[in-house]
Amino acid sequence: MAVILLLQGCMDSAVIAKIPEASGICFSQNSKTLFVVEDEGKIYEISTTGEILRKKRLGNYDLEGIACDDAHHRLLLAQEGENTILVLSQNKLNLKKSIKIKKRFHDKRILRRDKKHGLEGICIVGDFLFLSNQKNPSVLFKVAREDKAKVTILELFKHTHEDIAGLTYHDGSLFMVSDSENLLLKYDIKNKKVIGKAKLPAFSQEGIAFDNDGNIYIADDDGRVLKYRRERFGL
């Protein structure tokens, strides 16, 4: 019982912000701040200590992931159910365009237009975007990072885990959180395999980000942003 209480105490002390249904998070190298999206179409910019700097309702969007495209001063948002990436200006948070993802990879249907099987996470890796599909199939896939109205799935990456709700790219690896398994996973893109696992406290993990100072931020669908030291998880 003492061990459980200690773990619960550590988890509570990591909460830096309260954001309803926080579903995705990214760290911007430009502003050294975090951007957070939620299920009801809102976006927040917060400091690394949790101060809310900006807040804006974008519209009736089910937003499930966000990537900071600092090179182009943009934000890329994964919209569940519509298989769409929304492109925002980083400065004004204005919608610039939307990019549709084709639902098939070769002859196999990957994406579906519903909330049980849709897009969950997004991150930038070089000239590509990596995204996670929640279920049936539970896979990662990549598309070209380009300004087109519609993009094609170029490659699939299997990982044998369920419900990858958030992902980010850091120090040459993909990092993912599995909501249903309460896991933080480190993934080798080149060899297409998980190379590290760490157990997370039980909550609704929906997004993950790293800053430059060894901190990990996790968006919690129950309405929080949590902050941890990376060494706590050994990855």
Protein backbone atom coordinates (compact mmCIF):
# COMPACT_ATOMS: atom_id res chain seq x y z
CA MET A 1 0.00 0.00 0.00
CA ALA A 2 2.85 2.40 0.80
CA VAL A 3 4.37 1.91 -2.65
CA ILE A 4 1.04 2.65 -4.37
CA LEU A 5 0.54 5.83 -2.38
CA LEU A 6 4.06 7.02 -3.17
CA LEU A 7 3.49 6.50 -6.89
CA GLN A 8 0.19 8.35 -6.74
CA GLY A 9 1.89 11.25 -4.97
CA CYS A 10 4.57 11.46 -7.65
CA MET A 11 1.93 11.48 -10.37
CA ASP A 12 -0.06 14.30 -8.73
CA SER A 13 3.01 16.47 -8.24
CA ALA A 14 3.73 16.27 -11.98
CA VAL A 15 0.53 18.09 -13.02
CA ILE A 16 1.40 21.52 -14.44
CA ALA A 17 -1.86 22.53 -16.17
CA LYS A 18 -5.54 21.68 -16.32
CA ILE A 19 -6.83 21.49 -19.90
CA PRO A 20 -10.14 19.69 -20.55
CA GLU A 21 -9.76 16.56 -22.70
CA ALA A 22 -6.13 17.29 -23.58
CA SER A 23 -5.43 15.01 -26.55
CA GLY A 24 -2.13 16.12 -28.10
CA ILE A 25 0.98 18.12 -27.22
CA CYS A 26 4.19 19.35 -28.87
CA PHE A 27 7.18 21.47 -27.86
CA SER A 28 8.20 24.40 -30.07
CA GLN A 29 11.90 25.12 -30.47
CA ASN A 30 10.98 28.60 -31.72
CA SER A 31 9.06 29.79 -28.68
CA LYS A 32 10.23 27.24 -26.07
CA THR A 33 6.58 26.71 -25.24
CA LEU A 34 4.09 23.85 -25.53
CA PHE A 35 1.05 23.67 -27.77
CA VAL A 36 -1.85 21.50 -26.63
CA VAL A 37 -5.02 20.48 -28.49
CA GLU A 38 -8.23 18.99 -27.14
CA ASP A 39 -11.18 16.98 -28.39
CA GLU A 40 -13.58 19.92 -28.68
CA GLY A 41 -11.59 21.95 -31.21
CA LYS A 42 -9.52 24.20 -28.95
CA ILE A 43 -5.77 24.86 -28.98
CA TYR A 44 -3.67 26.21 -26.11
CA GLU A 45 -0.16 27.57 -25.86
CA ILE A 46 1.34 27.08 -22.41
CA SER A 47 4.71 27.63 -20.77
CA THR A 48 6.82 24.69 -19.61
CA THR A 49 5.62 25.49 -16.08
CA GLY A 50 1.97 25.31 -17.12
CA GLU A 51 0.98 28.96 -17.49
CA ILE A 52 -1.70 29.35 -20.19
CA LEU A 53 -0.38 31.95 -22.64
CA ARG A 54 -2.98 31.68 -25.40
CA LYS A 55 -6.21 29.83 -26.03
CA LYS A 56 -8.34 29.66 -29.18
CA ARG A 57 -11.33 27.70 -30.41
CA LEU A 58 -10.67 26.59 -33.98
CA GLY A 59 -14.06 25.07 -34.72
CA ASN A 60 -15.95 21.81 -34.49
CA TYR A 61 -12.89 19.57 -34.80
CA ASP A 62 -11.99 16.39 -32.91
CA LEU A 63 -8.28 17.12 -32.53
CA GLU A 64 -6.15 14.17 -31.43
CA GLY A 65 -2.52 15.11 -32.17
CA ILE A 66 -0.27 18.06 -32.87
CA ALA A 67 3.24 18.56 -34.27
CA CYS A 68 5.31 21.76 -34.13
CA ASP A 69 6.62 22.50 -37.64
CA ASP A 70 9.09 25.10 -36.42
CA ALA A 71 10.98 25.34 -39.72
CA HIS A 72 7.86 26.77 -41.37
CA HIS A 73 6.35 28.44 -38.29
CA ARG A 74 3.31 26.17 -38.50
CA LEU A 75 1.40 23.67 -36.42
CA LEU A 76 0.11 20.39 -37.86
CA LEU A 77 -3.00 18.94 -36.22
CA ALA A 78 -4.39 15.43 -36.67
CA GLN A 79 -8.18 15.43 -36.96
CA GLU A 80 -9.80 12.15 -35.97
CA GLY A 81 -12.71 10.82 -37.99
CA GLU A 82 -11.92 12.93 -41.05
CA ASN A 83 -8.42 11.55 -41.78
CA THR A 84 -7.23 15.12 -42.19
CA ILE A 85 -4.22 17.20 -41.17
CA LEU A 86 -5.04 20.82 -40.33
CA VAL A 87 -2.25 23.36 -40.93
CA LEU A 88 -2.17 26.41 -38.63
CA SER A 89 0.09 29.43 -38.49
CA GLN A 90 2.15 29.26 -35.30
CA ASN A 91 2.00 33.00 -34.70
CA LYS A 92 -1.72 33.72 -35.06
CA LEU A 93 -3.17 30.21 -34.76
CA ASN A 94 -5.09 30.76 -37.99
CA LEU A 95 -6.12 27.83 -40.16
CA LYS A 96 -4.09 27.93 -43.37
CA LYS A 97 -5.24 24.76 -45.10
CA SER A 98 -6.24 21.13 -44.63
CA ILE A 99 -4.60 18.04 -46.10
CA LYS A 100 -6.56 14.86 -46.70
CA ILE A 101 -4.89 11.47 -46.23
CA LYS A 102 -5.86 8.75 -48.67
CA LYS A 103 -7.39 5.86 -46.74
CA ARG A 104 -5.70 2.95 -48.54
CA PHE A 105 -2.18 1.62 -48.65
CA HIS A 106 -1.90 -0.37 -51.86
CA ASP A 107 -5.09 -2.47 -51.79
CA LYS A 108 -5.60 -2.43 -48.01
CA ARG A 109 -7.87 0.03 -46.23
CA ILE A 110 -6.02 1.64 -43.31
CA LEU A 111 -8.12 4.65 -42.33
CA ARG A 112 -11.82 4.80 -41.50
CA ARG A 113 -14.10 7.75 -40.89
CA ASP A 114 -15.07 7.08 -37.29
CA LYS A 115 -13.78 7.84 -33.82
CA LYS A 116 -12.99 4.23 -32.90
CA HIS A 117 -10.39 3.66 -35.60
CA GLY A 118 -9.07 7.12 -36.44
CA LEU A 119 -5.92 9.23 -36.34
CA GLU A 120 -4.39 9.67 -32.89
CA GLY A 121 -0.84 11.02 -33.11
CA ILE A 122 1.39 12.99 -35.48
CA CYS A 123 5.05 13.97 -35.57
CA ILE A 124 7.65 15.24 -38.04
CA VAL A 125 10.65 13.13 -39.06
CA GLY A 126 12.77 14.84 -41.69
CA ASP A 127 10.82 15.13 -44.94
CA PHE A 128 7.99 12.96 -43.68
CA LEU A 129 5.09 12.97 -41.27
CA PHE A 130 4.49 9.94 -39.08
CA LEU A 131 0.97 9.29 -37.83
CA SER A 132 -0.67 6.64 -35.67
CA ASN A 133 -3.93 4.90 -36.47
CA GLN A 134 -5.76 3.87 -33.32
CA LYS A 135 -7.24 0.46 -34.12
CA ASN A 136 -8.02 -2.06 -36.85
CA PRO A 137 -5.22 -1.86 -37.78
CA SER A 138 -3.15 -0.37 -34.95
CA VAL A 139 -0.18 0.85 -37.01
CA LEU A 140 2.12 3.76 -37.65
CA PHE A 141 2.38 5.11 -41.16
CA LYS A 142 4.22 7.87 -42.97
CA VAL A 143 3.23 10.41 -45.59
CA ALA A 144 5.26 13.03 -47.43
CA ARG A 145 5.68 16.39 -45.72
CA GLU A 146 4.39 18.54 -48.55
CA ASP A 147 1.73 21.11 -49.32
CA LYS A 148 -0.79 19.10 -51.28
CA ALA A 149 -4.56 18.84 -50.91
CA LYS A 150 -4.24 15.05 -50.56
CA VAL A 151 -1.33 12.80 -49.59
CA THR A 152 -0.76 9.07 -49.93
CA ILE A 153 0.36 6.59 -47.27
CA LEU A 154 3.92 5.65 -48.24
CA GLU A 155 4.83 2.99 -45.69
CA LEU A 156 3.41 1.11 -42.70
CA PHE A 157 5.23 0.44 -39.41
CA LYS A 158 3.89 -2.32 -37.18
CA HIS A 159 4.54 -2.26 -33.43
CA THR A 160 2.29 -4.96 -31.83
CA HIS A 161 0.78 -2.53 -29.30
CA GLU A 162 -2.77 -1.24 -28.99
CA ASP A 163 -4.09 2.30 -28.97
CA ILE A 164 -1.02 4.41 -29.73
CA ALA A 165 -2.56 7.72 -28.71
CA GLY A 166 0.45 10.02 -29.03
CA LEU A 167 3.89 10.13 -30.60
CA THR A 168 6.89 12.40 -31.00
CA TYR A 169 10.37 12.24 -32.50
CA HIS A 170 13.33 12.93 -30.23
CA ASP A 171 17.05 12.06 -30.26
CA GLY A 172 16.71 9.89 -33.37
CA SER A 173 13.84 7.72 -32.13
CA LEU A 174 10.07 7.75 -32.11
CA PHE A 175 8.46 7.82 -28.69
CA MET A 176 4.87 6.66 -28.32
CA VAL A 177 2.31 6.32 -25.55
CA SER A 178 -0.21 3.49 -25.43
CA ASP A 179 -3.35 4.64 -23.64
CA SER A 180 -4.84 1.18 -23.10
CA GLU A 181 -1.54 -0.38 -21.95
CA ASN A 182 -0.20 2.59 -19.92
CA LEU A 183 3.16 2.32 -21.68
CA LEU A 184 5.84 4.69 -22.93
CA LEU A 185 7.51 3.08 -25.95
CA LYS A 186 10.74 3.87 -27.78
CA TYR A 187 10.65 2.85 -31.45
CA ASP A 188 13.45 2.31 -33.98
CA ILE A 189 12.15 3.51 -37.37
CA LYS A 190 14.93 1.96 -39.43
CA ASN A 191 14.51 -1.53 -37.99
CA LYS A 192 10.76 -1.17 -37.44
CA LYS A 193 10.71 -2.38 -33.86
CA VAL A 194 10.16 -1.27 -30.28
CA ILE A 195 13.53 -0.95 -28.52
CA GLY A 196 12.41 0.23 -25.10
CA LYS A 197 9.38 0.17 -22.80
CA ALA A 198 8.50 1.90 -19.55
CA LYS A 199 5.36 1.58 -17.45
CA LEU A 200 3.36 4.77 -16.93
CA PRO A 201 1.01 5.53 -14.05
CA ALA A 202 -2.56 4.61 -14.99
CA PHE A 203 -4.27 7.58 -16.64
CA SER A 204 -5.53 8.51 -20.12
CA GLN A 205 -2.30 9.23 -22.01
CA GLU A 206 -3.10 11.05 -25.27
CA GLY A 207 0.05 12.94 -26.30
CA ILE A 208 3.76 13.23 -25.58
CA ALA A 209 6.49 15.86 -26.02
CA PHE A 210 10.11 16.46 -24.94
CA ASP A 211 11.77 19.80 -24.24
CA ASN A 212 15.51 20.59 -24.39
CA ASP A 213 16.09 20.13 -20.67
CA GLY A 214 15.32 16.45 -20.12
CA ASN A 215 11.62 16.81 -19.39
CA ILE A 216 8.73 14.77 -20.80
CA TYR A 217 5.22 16.20 -21.06
CA ILE A 218 2.15 13.99 -21.40
CA ALA A 219 -1.34 15.16 -22.31
CA ASP A 220 -4.03 13.43 -20.27
CA ASP A 221 -7.54 13.09 -21.72
CA ASP A 222 -8.91 13.40 -18.19
CA GLY A 223 -7.95 17.09 -18.31
CA ARG A 224 -4.31 17.55 -17.35
CA VAL A 225 -0.80 18.13 -18.65
CA LEU A 226 1.82 16.18 -16.69
CA LYS A 227 5.57 16.78 -16.53
CA TYR A 228 8.26 14.22 -15.70
CA ARG A 229 12.02 13.93 -15.80
CA ARG A 230 13.08 11.63 -18.64
CA GLU A 231 15.40 9.58 -16.44
CA ARG A 232 12.44 8.45 -14.35
CA PHE A 233 11.48 6.10 -17.18
CA GLY A 234 14.98 5.00 -18.18
CA LEU A 235 14.51 5.65 -21.94
